[in-house]
Protein backbone atom coordinates (compact mmCIF):
# COMPACT_ATOMS: atom_id res chain seq x y z
CA UNK A 1 54.35 121.07 190.29
CA UNK A 2 54.03 121.31 186.79
CA UNK A 3 55.43 124.78 185.35
CA UNK A 4 54.63 126.23 181.68
CA UNK A 5 56.99 128.25 180.20
CA UNK A 6 55.94 131.85 179.38
CA UNK A 7 56.23 133.00 175.79
CA UNK A 8 59.47 135.17 176.85
CA UNK A 9 61.01 132.03 177.95
CA UNK A 10 60.20 130.35 174.76
CA UNK A 11 61.72 133.06 172.82
CA UNK A 12 64.75 133.26 174.01
CA UNK A 13 65.14 129.55 173.95
CA UNK A 14 64.44 129.94 170.13
CA UNK A 15 67.27 132.44 170.16
CA UNK A 16 69.61 130.46 171.50
CA UNK A 17 68.74 127.78 168.71
CA UNK A 18 69.42 129.99 166.00
CA UNK A 19 72.58 131.64 167.39
CA UNK A 20 73.79 127.85 167.57
CA UNK A 21 72.83 127.40 163.96
CA UNK A 22 74.96 130.66 162.68
CA UNK A 23 77.57 129.29 165.06
CA UNK A 24 77.64 125.93 162.94
CA UNK A 25 78.32 127.95 159.47
CA UNK A 26 81.42 129.57 160.88
CA UNK A 27 83.28 126.47 162.09
CA UNK A 28 83.74 122.91 161.19
CA UNK A 29 81.23 120.92 158.98
CA UNK A 30 78.32 119.16 161.44
CA UNK A 31 78.66 115.36 160.86
CA UNK A 32 76.15 112.65 160.94
CA UNK A 33 73.57 115.19 159.11
CA UNK A 34 71.87 114.98 155.67
CA UNK A 35 74.46 116.81 153.32
CA UNK A 36 75.05 118.22 149.93
CA UNK A 37 78.59 117.36 149.29
CA UNK A 38 80.42 114.31 150.79
CA UNK A 39 84.18 113.69 150.69
CA UNK A 40 85.62 109.78 151.01
CA UNK A 41 89.51 110.36 151.84
CA UNK A 42 90.65 107.25 150.83
CA UNK A 43 89.16 104.59 148.27
CA UNK A 44 91.53 101.78 147.81
CA UNK A 45 91.78 99.16 145.05
CA UNK A 46 95.10 97.25 145.41
CA UNK A 47 96.26 93.48 145.12
CA UNK A 48 93.86 91.61 147.71
CA UNK A 49 92.27 95.22 148.62
CA UNK A 50 88.81 96.64 147.46
CA UNK A 51 86.30 99.21 148.96
CA UNK A 52 83.04 99.11 149.41
CA UNK A 53 81.19 102.47 148.97
CA UNK A 54 77.88 103.36 150.43
CA UNK A 55 75.30 106.16 149.70
CA UNK A 56 72.16 106.64 151.06
CA UNK A 57 69.35 109.12 150.18
CA UNK A 58 67.59 110.29 153.19
CA UNK A 59 64.81 112.28 151.29
CA UNK A 60 61.44 111.36 149.94
CA UNK A 61 62.65 112.73 146.67
CA UNK A 62 64.64 111.15 143.62
CA UNK A 63 68.17 112.55 143.74
CA UNK A 64 70.97 113.05 140.93
CA UNK A 65 74.67 112.79 142.53
CA UNK A 66 77.67 113.90 140.60
CA UNK A 67 80.61 112.03 141.47
CA UNK A 68 84.57 111.93 140.55
CA UNK A 69 87.40 109.42 141.64
CA UNK A 70 90.45 111.19 142.00
CA UNK A 71 93.34 108.98 141.79
CA UNK A 72 96.78 109.44 143.33
CA UNK A 73 99.82 109.84 141.51
CA UNK A 74 98.96 111.98 138.23
CA UNK A 75 95.71 113.30 140.08
CA UNK A 76 93.60 111.65 137.33
CA UNK A 77 89.80 112.20 137.70
CA UNK A 78 86.89 109.81 136.64
CA UNK A 79 83.29 111.11 136.80
CA UNK A 80 80.22 109.61 136.94
CA UNK A 81 76.44 110.11 137.96
CA UNK A 82 74.07 107.90 140.69
CA UNK A 83 70.35 108.32 140.48
CA UNK A 84 68.80 107.32 143.95
CA UNK A 85 65.20 106.61 144.36
CA UNK A 86 63.45 107.91 147.56
CA UNK A 87 65.15 106.70 150.71
CA UNK A 88 66.96 104.40 148.70
CA UNK A 89 70.50 102.99 150.01
CA UNK A 90 73.05 101.94 147.48
CA UNK A 91 76.28 100.11 147.21
CA UNK A 92 79.12 99.05 145.16
CA UNK A 93 82.79 97.75 145.24
CA UNK A 94 85.10 100.18 143.44
CA UNK A 95 86.88 97.35 141.67
CA UNK A 96 83.76 96.30 139.60
CA UNK A 97 81.69 99.49 139.84
CA UNK A 98 78.01 99.52 139.10
CA UNK A 99 75.48 99.48 136.10
CA UNK A 100 71.96 99.95 136.82
CA UNK A 101 69.82 100.47 133.90
CA UNK A 102 66.46 100.99 135.60
CA UNK A 103 67.76 104.46 137.18
CA UNK A 104 70.55 105.18 134.83
CA UNK A 105 73.27 104.92 137.37
CA UNK A 106 76.74 103.73 135.47
CA UNK A 107 79.64 103.52 138.34
CA UNK A 108 82.99 102.74 136.52
CA UNK A 109 85.50 100.31 137.93
CA UNK A 110 88.56 102.02 139.93
CA UNK A 111 91.79 100.40 140.17
CA UNK A 112 93.94 102.77 141.95
CA UNK A 113 94.21 104.72 145.31
CA UNK A 114 92.80 107.84 145.86
CA UNK A 115 89.75 109.69 147.04
CA UNK A 116 85.75 110.13 145.92
CA UNK A 117 83.76 113.33 145.97
CA UNK A 118 80.11 113.17 145.45
CA UNK A 119 77.60 116.06 145.30
CA UNK A 120 74.06 116.61 145.15
CA UNK A 121 72.46 118.42 142.14
CA UNK A 122 68.84 119.14 143.40
CA UNK A 123 65.99 119.81 141.88
CA UNK A 124 64.75 122.76 143.50
CA UNK A 125 66.81 125.60 144.87
CA UNK A 126 65.57 125.14 148.59
CA UNK A 127 68.07 123.92 151.06
CA UNK A 128 66.11 120.98 152.12
CA UNK A 129 66.68 119.81 148.43
CA UNK A 130 70.36 120.11 148.43
CA UNK A 131 71.10 118.34 152.06
CA UNK A 132 69.59 114.75 151.13
CA UNK A 133 72.90 112.30 151.50
CA UNK A 134 75.03 110.15 153.77
CA UNK A 135 78.00 108.37 152.63
CA UNK A 136 80.28 105.14 154.57
CA UNK A 137 83.07 103.53 152.86
CA UNK A 138 84.95 100.22 153.93
CA UNK A 139 88.43 98.88 152.72
CA UNK A 140 89.15 95.38 153.36
CA UNK A 141 91.66 92.80 152.28
CA UNK A 142 90.07 89.17 150.95
CA UNK A 143 93.15 87.61 151.95
CA UNK A 144 93.51 88.64 155.61
CA UNK A 145 90.27 90.13 156.53
CA UNK A 146 91.29 93.38 157.74
CA UNK A 147 88.82 95.92 157.29
CA UNK A 148 88.70 99.88 157.40
CA UNK A 149 85.35 101.17 157.78
CA UNK A 150 84.64 105.16 158.31
CA UNK A 151 82.07 107.86 157.46
CA UNK A 152 82.24 110.26 154.31
CA UNK A 153 82.97 113.77 155.37
CA UNK A 154 79.66 115.95 154.63
CA UNK A 155 79.29 119.41 153.98
CA UNK A 156 75.68 121.17 154.27
CA UNK A 157 73.95 123.55 152.03
CA UNK A 158 73.38 126.63 154.38
CA UNK A 159 71.34 128.97 151.87
CA UNK A 160 68.89 128.56 149.07
CA UNK A 161 70.11 128.78 145.75
CA UNK A 162 70.55 126.74 142.46
CA UNK A 163 73.46 124.17 141.91
CA UNK A 164 75.95 125.82 139.96
CA UNK A 165 78.75 123.23 139.93
CA UNK A 166 80.78 125.38 142.46
CA UNK A 167 80.83 124.41 146.47
CA UNK A 168 81.47 127.31 148.01
CA UNK A 169 82.72 126.07 151.29
CA UNK A 170 82.81 129.33 153.15
CA UNK A 171 80.17 129.09 155.83
CA UNK A 172 77.76 130.91 154.14
CA UNK A 173 76.37 129.07 151.02
CA UNK A 174 78.09 125.81 152.45
CA UNK A 175 79.71 124.72 155.56
CA UNK A 176 83.39 125.33 155.99
CA UNK A 177 86.30 122.72 155.88
CA UNK A 178 87.94 121.99 159.21
CA UNK A 179 90.73 124.47 160.20
CA UNK A 180 92.66 121.47 161.99
CA UNK A 181 91.81 117.83 162.27
CA UNK A 182 92.56 116.32 165.69
CA UNK A 183 93.73 112.66 166.36
CA UNK A 184 94.53 110.23 169.09
CA UNK A 185 96.88 107.80 167.41
CA UNK A 186 98.79 104.68 167.85
CA UNK A 187 102.36 105.48 167.76
CA UNK A 188 104.53 103.32 165.44
CA UNK A 189 106.10 100.01 167.06
CA UNK A 190 108.37 97.35 165.42
CA UNK A 191 105.25 95.10 164.62
CA UNK A 192 103.05 97.75 163.54
CA UNK A 193 103.09 100.77 161.28
CA UNK A 194 99.81 103.20 161.76
CA UNK A 195 99.13 105.17 158.58
CA UNK A 196 97.73 108.80 157.92
CA UNK A 197 95.77 109.87 154.74
CA UNK A 198 95.34 113.50 153.62
CA UNK A 199 93.54 115.13 150.73
CA UNK A 200 93.05 118.96 150.19
CA UNK A 201 89.62 120.18 150.60
CA UNK A 202 89.84 122.52 147.73
CA UNK A 203 89.80 121.00 144.24
CA UNK A 204 88.87 122.27 140.53
CA UNK A 205 87.46 119.18 138.89
CA UNK A 206 86.38 121.33 136.14
CA UNK A 207 89.74 122.51 134.88
CA UNK A 208 91.46 119.36 136.18
CA UNK A 209 94.21 121.51 138.20
CA UNK A 210 96.07 119.40 140.63
CA UNK A 211 95.96 121.15 144.60
CA UNK A 212 99.18 121.12 146.39
CA UNK A 213 99.30 121.75 150.00
CA UNK A 214 101.75 121.64 152.81
CA UNK A 215 100.95 120.12 155.82
CA UNK A 216 101.89 121.00 159.40
CA UNK A 217 101.48 118.30 162.00
CA UNK A 218 101.78 119.21 165.65
CA UNK A 219 102.33 115.80 167.75
CA UNK A 220 101.94 115.43 171.63
CA UNK A 221 102.72 112.42 173.71
CA UNK A 222 101.18 111.12 176.91
CA UNK A 223 103.75 113.34 178.82
CA UNK A 224 102.55 116.47 176.77
CA UNK A 225 105.81 116.80 175.17
CA UNK A 226 105.52 118.48 171.73
CA UNK A 227 107.07 118.03 168.14
CA UNK A 228 106.02 119.64 165.08
CA UNK A 229 107.12 118.66 161.65
CA UNK A 230 105.72 119.39 157.99
CA UNK A 231 105.72 118.11 154.30
CA UNK A 232 103.91 118.88 151.12
CA UNK A 233 102.02 116.83 148.56
CA UNK A 234 99.41 117.33 145.68
CA UNK A 235 96.31 115.95 145.47
CA UNK A 236 96.53 112.80 147.87
CA UNK A 237 98.89 111.53 150.39
CA UNK A 238 98.96 108.44 152.29
CA UNK A 239 102.21 107.38 154.50
CA UNK A 240 103.59 105.79 157.64
CA UNK A 241 103.29 108.07 160.76
CA UNK A 242 106.75 106.68 161.55
CA UNK A 243 107.95 108.27 158.00
CA UNK A 244 106.55 111.40 158.90
CA UNK A 245 108.55 112.16 162.21
CA UNK A 246 110.52 109.88 164.43
CA UNK A 247 108.02 111.54 167.43
CA UNK A 248 105.50 109.47 166.25
CA UNK A 249 107.67 105.94 166.85
CA UNK A 250 107.17 104.55 170.40
CA UNK A 251 110.88 104.48 170.51
CA UNK A 252 111.21 108.50 170.63
CA UNK A 253 107.89 109.38 172.10
CA UNK A 254 108.24 106.79 174.91
CA UNK A 255 104.50 106.12 174.93
CA UNK A 256 102.22 103.89 172.83
CA UNK A 257 99.68 106.61 171.70
CA UNK A 258 99.90 110.45 170.81
CA UNK A 259 97.84 113.25 169.85
CA UNK A 260 98.07 114.67 166.15
CA UNK A 261 96.98 118.04 165.22
CA UNK A 262 96.90 118.56 161.54
CA UNK A 263 96.56 121.86 159.22
CA UNK A 264 97.10 122.46 156.03
CA UNK A 265 99.11 125.52 154.75
CA UNK A 266 97.55 127.64 151.76
CA UNK A 267 94.33 125.61 152.41
CA UNK A 268 92.57 123.28 154.50
CA UNK A 269 92.65 119.40 154.56
CA UNK A 270 90.72 116.29 155.23
CA UNK A 271 92.25 113.17 156.59
CA UNK A 272 91.88 109.84 158.05
CA UNK A 273 94.25 107.53 160.20
CA UNK A 274 94.47 103.78 160.06
CA UNK A 275 95.78 102.34 163.08
CA UNK A 276 97.75 99.20 163.31
CA UNK A 277 96.21 97.39 166.28
CA UNK A 278 98.79 94.63 167.83
CA UNK A 279 96.56 91.65 168.33
CA UNK A 280 98.60 88.22 169.99
CA UNK A 281 101.39 87.58 167.05
CA UNK A 282 99.34 89.58 164.45
CA UNK A 283 98.00 93.19 163.77
CA UNK A 284 94.72 94.55 162.99
CA UNK A 285 93.62 97.45 161.37
CA UNK A 286 91.07 100.22 162.37
CA UNK A 287 89.79 103.45 160.86
CA UNK A 288 90.45 106.26 162.88
CA UNK A 289 88.67 109.45 162.11
CA UNK A 290 89.47 113.05 163.43
CA UNK A 291 87.57 115.57 165.47
CA UNK A 292 87.25 119.21 163.94
CA UNK A 293 88.73 122.25 165.43
CA UNK A 294 87.49 125.57 163.83
CA UNK A 295 86.78 126.37 159.99
CA UNK A 296 88.26 127.52 157.05
CA UNK A 297 86.65 128.61 153.54
CA UNK A 298 87.66 126.41 150.53
CA UNK A 299 86.06 125.87 146.95
CA UNK A 300 85.34 122.43 145.00
CA UNK A 301 84.43 122.78 141.42
CA UNK A 302 82.33 120.70 139.46
CA UNK A 303 81.93 120.65 135.58
CA UNK A 304 78.12 121.59 135.46
CA UNK A 305 75.62 119.21 134.09
């Protein structure tokens, strides 16, 4: 027998849906959704390595995107603009950039290792005009064929308002940063060495003030034995797991895999693990994206257009 839902049950269901929407605001940013701010934790151009950056406009309106490369070392930034037509995908190689006179897009070459942040400058203040883009990056080697591909971390706008250059990731204006990053990783072994990349969630690109963060890492092996360590960095960090702690090596952990919980002290962080996967007599690479746990506020400041 077919049952029709009563009006009261529909009202109750709507209340649950709205409650879930509010829960998103107070937790980590929901992913795989059209976003207003994208963070690519790793862009790499070095030797035979290059990075293919992809942006996609998911809306039926033209979009203006303001982007910044932030290099490691001296934390230097390079800004540029991308113009996307309705529903347009766009891609470029970091080493060559892109020049499209039809749309006015001019992406400069990037010859370093660092991160990329891109934010929507909407034509109207409604939320729907902010949340329009997705992104992906693929780092590849022209000599070995190894690739690392991952989705950019997306932050949604949560309330109507004009773009001011300040992304208040506070769970009210924009989605919060994650409080913790969870990774299941391969421990370092004699023939391979996995890497972890970490960047700060907060960043002041207006006054070019580098962000310094201390990272706490909690490690659990397959026997659920726990270890912890910490280290500091400024604006960008990439290092082998075995260099962080001997607990992340096969010899000490006693297992082939481990669970990492990564948390920033003084501000939240974003990151990526690059697993070195043994394969016969060689090794391959794989991008290992974290799962998010909890939410913390942060601020990303762009120069206003």
